[in-house]
Amino acid sequence: MILIIALLAIAGWAVVATIVELRRDGYRPTPTDWSRVSGRDVHQQAEPGHGYR
């Protein structure tokens, strides 16, 4: 009986820890910056990137 109670306590702790970590993981939807994508040509507004030769 003690093992079942310990197993349930560990499972409950794991569920709570999972919920807490999912809330603070940082993968939330970010609003779109429409000033960067509002019908502009991609080649005119190209940003410098890493070029590998």
C-alpha atoms as a PDB file:
ATOM      1  CA  MET A   1       0.000   0.000   0.000  1.00  0.00           C
ATOM      2  CA  ILE A   2       2.870   2.355   0.797  1.00  0.00           C
ATOM      3  CA  LEU A   3       4.347   1.741  -2.656  1.00  0.00           C
ATOM      4  CA  ILE A   4       1.050   2.636  -4.348  1.00  0.00           C
ATOM      5  CA  ILE A   5       0.796   5.865  -2.366  1.00  0.00           C
ATOM      6  CA  ALA A   6       4.407   6.738  -3.204  1.00  0.00           C
ATOM      7  CA  LEU A   7       3.804   5.977  -6.888  1.00  0.00           C
ATOM      8  CA  LEU A   8       0.685   8.186  -6.944  1.00  0.00           C
ATOM      9  CA  ALA A   9       2.584  10.996  -5.214  1.00  0.00           C
ATOM     10  CA  ILE A  10       5.404  10.823  -7.759  1.00  0.00           C
ATOM     11  CA  ALA A  11       2.922  10.736 -10.651  1.00  0.00           C
ATOM     12  CA  GLY A  12       1.074  13.766  -9.242  1.00  0.00           C
ATOM     13  CA  TRP A  13       4.343  15.624  -8.819  1.00  0.00           C
ATOM     14  CA  ALA A  14       5.301  14.816 -12.416  1.00  0.00           C
ATOM     15  CA  VAL A  15       1.971  16.121 -13.750  1.00  0.00           C
ATOM     16  CA  VAL A  16       2.277  19.387 -11.825  1.00  0.00           C
ATOM     17  CA  ALA A  17       5.914  19.839 -12.871  1.00  0.00           C
ATOM     18  CA  THR A  18       4.993  19.221 -16.517  1.00  0.00           C
ATOM     19  CA  ILE A  19       2.227  21.828 -16.425  1.00  0.00           C
ATOM     20  CA  VAL A  20       4.532  24.374 -14.773  1.00  0.00           C
ATOM     21  CA  GLU A  21       7.306  23.809 -17.316  1.00  0.00           C
ATOM     22  CA  LEU A  22       4.918  24.011 -20.265  1.00  0.00           C
ATOM     23  CA  ARG A  23       3.679  27.369 -19.029  1.00  0.00           C
ATOM     24  CA  ARG A  24       7.168  28.870 -18.844  1.00  0.00           C
ATOM     25  CA  ASP A  25       8.812  27.241 -21.855  1.00  0.00           C
ATOM     26  CA  GLY A  26       8.706  30.405 -23.994  1.00  0.00           C
ATOM     27  CA  TYR A  27       7.072  28.862 -27.054  1.00  0.00           C
ATOM     28  CA  ARG A  28       4.098  31.163 -27.230  1.00  0.00           C
ATOM     29  CA  PRO A  29       2.629  32.649 -30.397  1.00  0.00           C
ATOM     30  CA  THR A  30       4.179  36.006 -31.214  1.00  0.00           C
ATOM     31  CA  PRO A  31       2.296  38.696 -33.089  1.00  0.00           C
ATOM     32  CA  THR A  32       3.273  39.243 -36.701  1.00  0.00           C
ATOM     33  CA  ASP A  33       5.154  42.430 -37.526  1.00  0.00           C
ATOM     34  CA  TRP A  34       3.046  43.454 -40.514  1.00  0.00           C
ATOM     35  CA  SER A  35       5.392  46.328 -41.360  1.00  0.00           C
ATOM     36  CA  ARG A  36       7.928  43.741 -42.482  1.00  0.00           C
ATOM     37  CA  VAL A  37       5.606  41.578 -44.586  1.00  0.00           C
ATOM     38  CA  SER A  38       2.940  43.939 -45.933  1.00  0.00           C
ATOM     39  CA  GLY A  39       3.358  43.390 -49.662  1.00  0.00           C
ATOM     40  CA  ARG A  40       7.020  44.294 -49.865  1.00  0.00           C
ATOM     41  CA  ASP A  41       9.274  42.494 -52.273  1.00  0.00           C
ATOM     42  CA  VAL A  42      11.475  40.047 -50.435  1.00  0.00           C
ATOM     43  CA  HIS A  43      14.544  40.928 -52.503  1.00  0.00           C
ATOM     44  CA  GLN A  44      14.237  44.643 -51.800  1.00  0.00           C
ATOM     45  CA  GLN A  45      14.056  44.161 -48.053  1.00  0.00           C
ATOM     46  CA  ALA A  46      16.612  41.374 -47.752  1.00  0.00           C
ATOM     47  CA  GLU A  47      18.524  41.348 -44.501  1.00  0.00           C
ATOM     48  CA  PRO A  48      22.164  40.323 -44.299  1.00  0.00           C
ATOM     49  CA  GLY A  49      22.701  36.776 -43.249  1.00  0.00           C
ATOM     50  CA  HIS A  50      25.475  34.279 -42.936  1.00  0.00           C
ATOM     51  CA  GLY A  51      27.126  33.503 -46.222  1.00  0.00           C
ATOM     52  CA  TYR A  52      29.072  30.313 -46.550  1.00  0.00           C
ATOM     53  CA  ARG A  53      31.404  29.866 -49.460  1.00  0.00           C
END
